[in-house]
PDB file of all heavy atoms in Angstrom:
ATOM      1  N   PRO A   1     -55.063-152.867 -56.441  1.00  0.00           N
ATOM      2  CA  PRO A   1     -55.133-154.315 -56.237  1.00  0.00           C
ATOM      3  C   PRO A   1     -56.554-154.758 -55.880  1.00  0.00           C
ATOM      4  O   PRO A   1     -56.954-155.925 -56.008  1.00  0.00           O
ATOM      5  CB  PRO A   1     -54.163-154.584 -55.134  1.00  0.00           C
ATOM      6  CG  PRO A   1     -53.849-153.281 -54.575  1.00  0.00           C
ATOM      7  CD  PRO A   1     -54.175-152.205 -55.536  1.00  0.00           C
ATOM      8  N   ASP A   2     -57.389-153.788 -55.368  1.00  0.00           N
ATOM      9  CA  ASP A   2     -58.747-154.198 -54.952  1.00  0.00           C
ATOM     10  C   ASP A   2     -59.713-154.272 -56.185  1.00  0.00           C
ATOM     11  O   ASP A   2     -60.822-154.711 -56.060  1.00  0.00           O
ATOM     12  CB  ASP A   2     -59.308-153.118 -53.985  1.00  0.00           C
ATOM     13  CG  ASP A   2     -59.376-151.689 -54.497  1.00  0.00           C
ATOM     14  OD1 ASP A   2     -59.195-151.518 -55.762  1.00  0.00           O
ATOM     15  OD2 ASP A   2     -59.495-150.842 -53.715  1.00  0.00           O
ATOM     16  N   GLY A   3     -59.231-153.897 -57.410  1.00  0.00           N
ATOM     17  CA  GLY A   3     -60.000-153.994 -58.596  1.00  0.00           C
ATOM     18  C   GLY A   3     -61.005-152.826 -58.868  1.00  0.00           C
ATOM     19  O   GLY A   3     -61.751-152.853 -59.821  1.00  0.00           O
ATOM     20  N   MET A   4     -60.994-151.736 -58.052  1.00  0.00           N
ATOM     21  CA  MET A   4     -61.843-150.666 -58.243  1.00  0.00           C
ATOM     22  C   MET A   4     -61.157-149.581 -59.129  1.00  0.00           C
ATOM     23  O   MET A   4     -60.043-149.262 -58.902  1.00  0.00           O
ATOM     24  CB  MET A   4     -62.176-150.033 -56.925  1.00  0.00           C
ATOM     25  CG  MET A   4     -63.098-150.891 -56.007  1.00  0.00           C
ATOM     26  SD  MET A   4     -63.427-150.105 -54.463  1.00  0.00           S
ATOM     27  CE  MET A   4     -64.781-148.957 -54.984  1.00  0.00           C
ATOM     28  N   THR A   5     -61.948-149.059 -60.066  1.00  0.00           N
ATOM     29  CA  THR A   5     -61.458-147.939 -60.911  1.00  0.00           C
ATOM     30  C   THR A   5     -61.587-146.688 -60.010  1.00  0.00           C
ATOM     31  O   THR A   5     -62.276-146.638 -59.082  1.00  0.00           O
ATOM     32  CB  THR A   5     -62.332-147.779 -62.171  1.00  0.00           C
ATOM     33  OG1 THR A   5     -63.702-147.411 -61.751  1.00  0.00           O
ATOM     34  CG2 THR A   5     -62.459-149.090 -62.989  1.00  0.00           C
ATOM     35  N   VAL A   6     -61.003-145.673 -60.606  1.00  0.00           N
ATOM     36  CA  VAL A   6     -61.068-144.341 -59.862  1.00  0.00           C
ATOM     37  C   VAL A   6     -62.480-143.905 -59.809  1.00  0.00           C
ATOM     38  O   VAL A   6     -62.930-143.436 -58.671  1.00  0.00           O
ATOM     39  CB  VAL A   6     -60.231-143.267 -60.670  1.00  0.00           C
ATOM     40  CG1 VAL A   6     -60.412-141.920 -60.106  1.00  0.00           C
ATOM     41  CG2 VAL A   6     -58.720-143.690 -60.627  1.00  0.00           C
ATOM     42  N   GLY A   7     -63.273-144.023 -60.792  1.00  0.00           N
ATOM     43  CA  GLY A   7     -64.637-143.615 -60.813  1.00  0.00           C
ATOM     44  C   GLY A   7     -65.483-144.401 -59.721  1.00  0.00           C
ATOM     45  O   GLY A   7     -66.333-143.798 -59.063  1.00  0.00           O
ATOM     46  N   GLU A   8     -65.255-145.668 -59.707  1.00  0.00           N
ATOM     47  CA  GLU A   8     -65.948-146.533 -58.721  1.00  0.00           C
ATOM     48  C   GLU A   8     -65.504-146.121 -57.302  1.00  0.00           C
ATOM     49  O   GLU A   8     -66.298-146.050 -56.391  1.00  0.00           O
ATOM     50  CB  GLU A   8     -65.604-147.961 -58.955  1.00  0.00           C
ATOM     51  CG  GLU A   8     -66.138-148.571 -60.195  1.00  0.00           C
ATOM     52  CD  GLU A   8     -65.656-149.888 -60.511  1.00  0.00           C
ATOM     53  OE1 GLU A   8     -64.528-150.274 -60.089  1.00  0.00           O
ATOM     54  OE2 GLU A   8     -66.344-150.726 -61.201  1.00  0.00           O
ATOM     55  N   GLN A   9     -64.242-145.808 -57.078  1.00  0.00           N
ATOM     56  CA  GLN A   9     -63.774-145.371 -55.719  1.00  0.00           C
ATOM     57  C   GLN A   9     -64.465-144.044 -55.342  1.00  0.00           C
ATOM     58  O   GLN A   9     -64.983-143.843 -54.224  1.00  0.00           O
ATOM     59  CB  GLN A   9     -62.312-145.138 -55.740  1.00  0.00           C
ATOM     60  CG  GLN A   9     -61.451-146.396 -55.842  1.00  0.00           C
ATOM     61  CD  GLN A   9     -59.996-146.270 -55.784  1.00  0.00           C
ATOM     62  OE1 GLN A   9     -59.482-145.754 -54.780  1.00  0.00           O
ATOM     63  NE2 GLN A   9     -59.317-146.475 -56.940  1.00  0.00           N
ATOM     64  N   LEU A  10     -64.443-143.100 -56.260  1.00  0.00           N
ATOM     65  CA  LEU A  10     -65.145-141.841 -55.971  1.00  0.00           C
ATOM     66  C   LEU A  10     -66.633-141.993 -55.677  1.00  0.00           C
ATOM     67  O   LEU A  10     -67.092-141.309 -54.721  1.00  0.00           O
ATOM     68  CB  LEU A  10     -64.934-140.818 -57.128  1.00  0.00           C
ATOM     69  CG  LEU A  10     -63.508-140.335 -57.302  1.00  0.00           C
ATOM     70  CD1 LEU A  10     -63.344-139.575 -58.634  1.00  0.00           C
ATOM     71  CD2 LEU A  10     -63.110-139.454 -56.095  1.00  0.00           C
ATOM     72  N   ALA A  11     -67.260-142.849 -56.431  1.00  0.00           N
ATOM     73  CA  ALA A  11     -68.715-143.086 -56.069  1.00  0.00           C
ATOM     74  C   ALA A  11     -68.901-143.725 -54.716  1.00  0.00           C
ATOM     75  O   ALA A  11     -69.765-143.407 -53.894  1.00  0.00           O
ATOM     76  CB  ALA A  11     -69.319-143.943 -57.159  1.00  0.00           C
ATOM     77  N   ALA A  12     -68.050-144.723 -54.352  1.00  0.00           N
ATOM     78  CA  ALA A  12     -68.154-145.404 -53.120  1.00  0.00           C
ATOM     79  C   ALA A  12     -67.830-144.411 -51.967  1.00  0.00           C
ATOM     80  O   ALA A  12     -68.459-144.417 -50.910  1.00  0.00           O
ATOM     81  CB  ALA A  12     -67.221-146.636 -53.078  1.00  0.00           C
ATOM     82  N   ILE A  13     -66.768-143.567 -52.206  1.00  0.00           N
ATOM     83  CA  ILE A  13     -66.424-142.606 -51.157  1.00  0.00           C
ATOM     84  C   ILE A  13     -67.509-141.631 -50.945  1.00  0.00           C
ATOM     85  O   ILE A  13     -67.923-141.344 -49.754  1.00  0.00           O
ATOM     86  CB  ILE A  13     -65.100-141.865 -51.639  1.00  0.00           C
ATOM     87  CG1 ILE A  13     -63.872-142.720 -51.539  1.00  0.00           C
ATOM     88  CG2 ILE A  13     -64.975-140.556 -50.828  1.00  0.00           C
ATOM     89  CD1 ILE A  13     -62.677-142.151 -52.212  1.00  0.00           C
ATOM     90  N   ALA A  14     -68.196-141.141 -52.047  1.00  0.00           N
ATOM     91  CA  ALA A  14     -69.366-140.193 -51.848  1.00  0.00           C
ATOM     92  C   ALA A  14     -70.379-140.806 -51.034  1.00  0.00           C
ATOM     93  O   ALA A  14     -70.921-140.203 -50.026  1.00  0.00           O
ATOM     94  CB  ALA A  14     -69.880-139.780 -53.219  1.00  0.00           C
ATOM     95  N   ALA A  15     -70.758-142.072 -51.307  1.00  0.00           N
ATOM     96  CA  ALA A  15     -71.817-142.717 -50.609  1.00  0.00           C
ATOM     97  C   ALA A  15     -71.551-142.934 -49.117  1.00  0.00           C
ATOM     98  O   ALA A  15     -72.273-142.655 -48.187  1.00  0.00           O
ATOM     99  CB  ALA A  15     -72.185-144.085 -51.241  1.00  0.00           C
ATOM    100  N   ARG A  16     -70.231-143.310 -48.870  1.00  0.00           N
ATOM    101  CA  ARG A  16     -69.872-143.550 -47.460  1.00  0.00           C
ATOM    102  C   ARG A  16     -69.812-142.343 -46.674  1.00  0.00           C
ATOM    103  O   ARG A  16     -70.128-142.204 -45.545  1.00  0.00           O
ATOM    104  CB  ARG A  16     -68.458-144.302 -47.480  1.00  0.00           C
ATOM    105  CG  ARG A  16     -68.013-144.678 -46.103  1.00  0.00           C
ATOM    106  CD  ARG A  16     -68.751-145.891 -45.562  1.00  0.00           C
ATOM    107  NE  ARG A  16     -68.065-146.362 -44.397  1.00  0.00           N
ATOM    108  CZ  ARG A  16     -68.614-146.311 -43.169  1.00  0.00           C
ATOM    109  NH1 ARG A  16     -69.844-145.800 -42.951  1.00  0.00           N
ATOM    110  NH2 ARG A  16     -67.953-146.732 -42.174  1.00  0.00           N
ATOM    111  N   VAL A  17     -69.239-141.219 -47.312  1.00  0.00           N
ATOM    112  CA  VAL A  17     -69.109-139.965 -46.636  1.00  0.00           C
ATOM    113  C   VAL A  17     -70.449-139.360 -46.336  1.00  0.00           C
ATOM    114  O   VAL A  17     -70.605-138.810 -45.202  1.00  0.00           O
ATOM    115  CB  VAL A  17     -68.203-138.994 -47.396  1.00  0.00           C
ATOM    116  CG1 VAL A  17     -68.274-137.531 -46.889  1.00  0.00           C
ATOM    117  CG2 VAL A  17     -66.714-139.393 -47.413  1.00  0.00           C
ATOM    118  N   HIS A  18     -71.450-139.524 -47.216  1.00  0.00           N
ATOM    119  CA  HIS A  18     -72.768-139.053 -46.874  1.00  0.00           C
ATOM    120  C   HIS A  18     -73.314-139.691 -45.665  1.00  0.00           C
ATOM    121  O   HIS A  18     -73.897-139.031 -44.746  1.00  0.00           O
ATOM    122  CB  HIS A  18     -73.646-139.248 -48.129  1.00  0.00           C
ATOM    123  CG  HIS A  18     -73.522-138.128 -49.168  1.00  0.00           C
ATOM    124  ND1 HIS A  18     -72.775-138.373 -50.262  1.00  0.00           N
ATOM    125  CD2 HIS A  18     -74.081-136.947 -49.273  1.00  0.00           C
ATOM    126  CE1 HIS A  18     -72.819-137.262 -51.027  1.00  0.00           C
ATOM    127  NE2 HIS A  18     -73.577-136.415 -50.397  1.00  0.00           N
ATOM    128  N   GLU A  19     -73.047-140.999 -45.453  1.00  0.00           N
ATOM    129  CA  GLU A  19     -73.520-141.680 -44.262  1.00  0.00           C
ATOM    130  C   GLU A  19     -72.828-141.137 -43.058  1.00  0.00           C
ATOM    131  O   GLU A  19     -73.458-140.848 -41.983  1.00  0.00           O
ATOM    132  CB  GLU A  19     -73.153-143.226 -44.403  1.00  0.00           C
ATOM    133  CG  GLU A  19     -73.940-144.041 -45.389  1.00  0.00           C
ATOM    134  CD  GLU A  19     -73.328-145.366 -45.512  1.00  0.00           C
ATOM    135  OE1 GLU A  19     -72.555-145.798 -44.674  1.00  0.00           O
ATOM    136  OE2 GLU A  19     -73.669-146.052 -46.559  1.00  0.00           O
ATOM    137  N   LEU A  20     -71.524-141.023 -43.149  1.00  0.00           N
ATOM    138  CA  LEU A  20     -70.702-140.547 -41.952  1.00  0.00           C
ATOM    139  C   LEU A  20     -71.115-139.092 -41.587  1.00  0.00           C
ATOM    140  O   LEU A  20     -71.238-138.829 -40.402  1.00  0.00           O
ATOM    141  CB  LEU A  20     -69.252-140.626 -42.282  1.00  0.00           C
ATOM    142  CG  LEU A  20     -68.700-142.086 -42.417  1.00  0.00           C
ATOM    143  CD1 LEU A  20     -67.223-141.971 -42.901  1.00  0.00           C
ATOM    144  CD2 LEU A  20     -68.799-142.780 -41.096  1.00  0.00           C
ATOM    145  N   VAL A  21     -71.313-138.223 -42.590  1.00  0.00           N
ATOM    146  CA  VAL A  21     -71.647-136.933 -42.221  1.00  0.00           C
ATOM    147  C   VAL A  21     -72.957-136.778 -41.563  1.00  0.00           C
ATOM    148  O   VAL A  21     -73.223-136.046 -40.574  1.00  0.00           O
ATOM    149  CB  VAL A  21     -71.530-135.969 -43.467  1.00  0.00           C
ATOM    150  CG1 VAL A  21     -72.199-134.578 -43.291  1.00  0.00           C
ATOM    151  CG2 VAL A  21     -70.062-135.818 -43.938  1.00  0.00           C
ATOM    152  N   ALA A  22     -73.900-137.579 -42.051  1.00  0.00           N
ATOM    153  CA  ALA A  22     -75.237-137.638 -41.396  1.00  0.00           C
ATOM    154  C   ALA A  22     -75.163-138.088 -39.989  1.00  0.00           C
ATOM    155  O   ALA A  22     -75.737-137.547 -39.056  1.00  0.00           O
ATOM    156  CB  ALA A  22     -76.203-138.528 -42.180  1.00  0.00           C
ATOM    157  N   THR A  23     -74.304-139.120 -39.775  1.00  0.00           N
ATOM    158  CA  THR A  23     -74.101-139.569 -38.438  1.00  0.00           C
ATOM    159  C   THR A  23     -73.500-138.560 -37.490  1.00  0.00           C
ATOM    160  O   THR A  23     -73.904-138.324 -36.368  1.00  0.00           O
ATOM    161  CB  THR A  23     -73.184-140.847 -38.393  1.00  0.00           C
ATOM    162  OG1 THR A  23     -73.729-141.889 -39.214  1.00  0.00           O
ATOM    163  CG2 THR A  23     -72.946-141.435 -36.980  1.00  0.00           C
ATOM    164  N   GLN A  24     -72.437-137.869 -38.031  1.00  0.00           N
ATOM    165  CA  GLN A  24     -71.773-136.816 -37.219  1.00  0.00           C
ATOM    166  C   GLN A  24     -72.752-135.666 -36.872  1.00  0.00           C
ATOM    167  O   GLN A  24     -72.751-135.193 -35.775  1.00  0.00           O
ATOM    168  CB  GLN A  24     -70.533-136.265 -37.934  1.00  0.00           C
ATOM    169  CG  GLN A  24     -69.760-135.433 -36.979  1.00  0.00           C
ATOM    170  CD  GLN A  24     -69.086-134.229 -37.668  1.00  0.00           C
ATOM    171  OE1 GLN A  24     -69.397-133.866 -38.774  1.00  0.00           O
ATOM    172  NE2 GLN A  24     -68.140-133.609 -36.909  1.00  0.00           N
ATOM    173  N   SER A  25     -73.507-135.341 -37.884  1.00  0.00           N
ATOM    174  CA  SER A  25     -74.505-134.205 -37.664  1.00  0.00           C
ATOM    175  C   SER A  25     -75.544-134.565 -36.509  1.00  0.00           C
ATOM    176  O   SER A  25     -75.721-133.766 -35.636  1.00  0.00           O
ATOM    177  CB  SER A  25     -75.257-133.881 -38.932  1.00  0.00           C
ATOM    178  OG  SER A  25     -76.177-132.887 -38.749  1.00  0.00           O
ATOM    179  N   SER A  26     -75.951-135.805 -36.551  1.00  0.00           N
ATOM    180  CA  SER A  26     -76.870-136.257 -35.530  1.00  0.00           C
ATOM    181  C   SER A  26     -76.205-136.333 -34.163  1.00  0.00           C
ATOM    182  O   SER A  26     -76.772-135.931 -33.160  1.00  0.00           O
ATOM    183  CB  SER A  26     -77.411-137.746 -35.914  1.00  0.00           C
ATOM    184  OG  SER A  26     -78.202-138.191 -34.890  1.00  0.00           O
ATOM    185  N   SER A  27     -74.950-136.845 -34.181  1.00  0.00           N
ATOM    186  CA  SER A  27     -74.130-136.863 -32.938  1.00  0.00           C
ATOM    187  C   SER A  27     -73.883-135.584 -32.341  1.00  0.00           C
ATOM    188  O   SER A  27     -74.136-135.378 -31.127  1.00  0.00           O
ATOM    189  CB  SER A  27     -72.920-137.619 -33.310  1.00  0.00           C
ATOM    190  OG  SER A  27     -71.981-137.591 -32.169  1.00  0.00           O
ATOM    191  N   LEU A  28     -73.566-134.647 -33.130  1.00  0.00           N
ATOM    192  CA  LEU A  28     -73.242-133.264 -32.678  1.00  0.00           C
ATOM    193  C   LEU A  28     -74.511-132.577 -32.146  1.00  0.00           C
ATOM    194  O   LEU A  28     -74.541-131.827 -31.161  1.00  0.00           O
ATOM    195  CB  LEU A  28     -72.622-132.436 -33.793  1.00  0.00           C
ATOM    196  CG  LEU A  28     -71.799-131.222 -33.357  1.00  0.00           C
ATOM    197  CD1 LEU A  28     -70.777-131.609 -32.319  1.00  0.00           C
ATOM    198  CD2 LEU A  28     -71.125-130.625 -34.586  1.00  0.00           C
TER     199      LEU A  28
END
């Protein structure tokens, strides 16, 4: 319903997870 294709979702997930992992690494 959000209009995103599977490929768009995977690309957005990859970008967001890279941000989060960098934040967690710094935090740890």
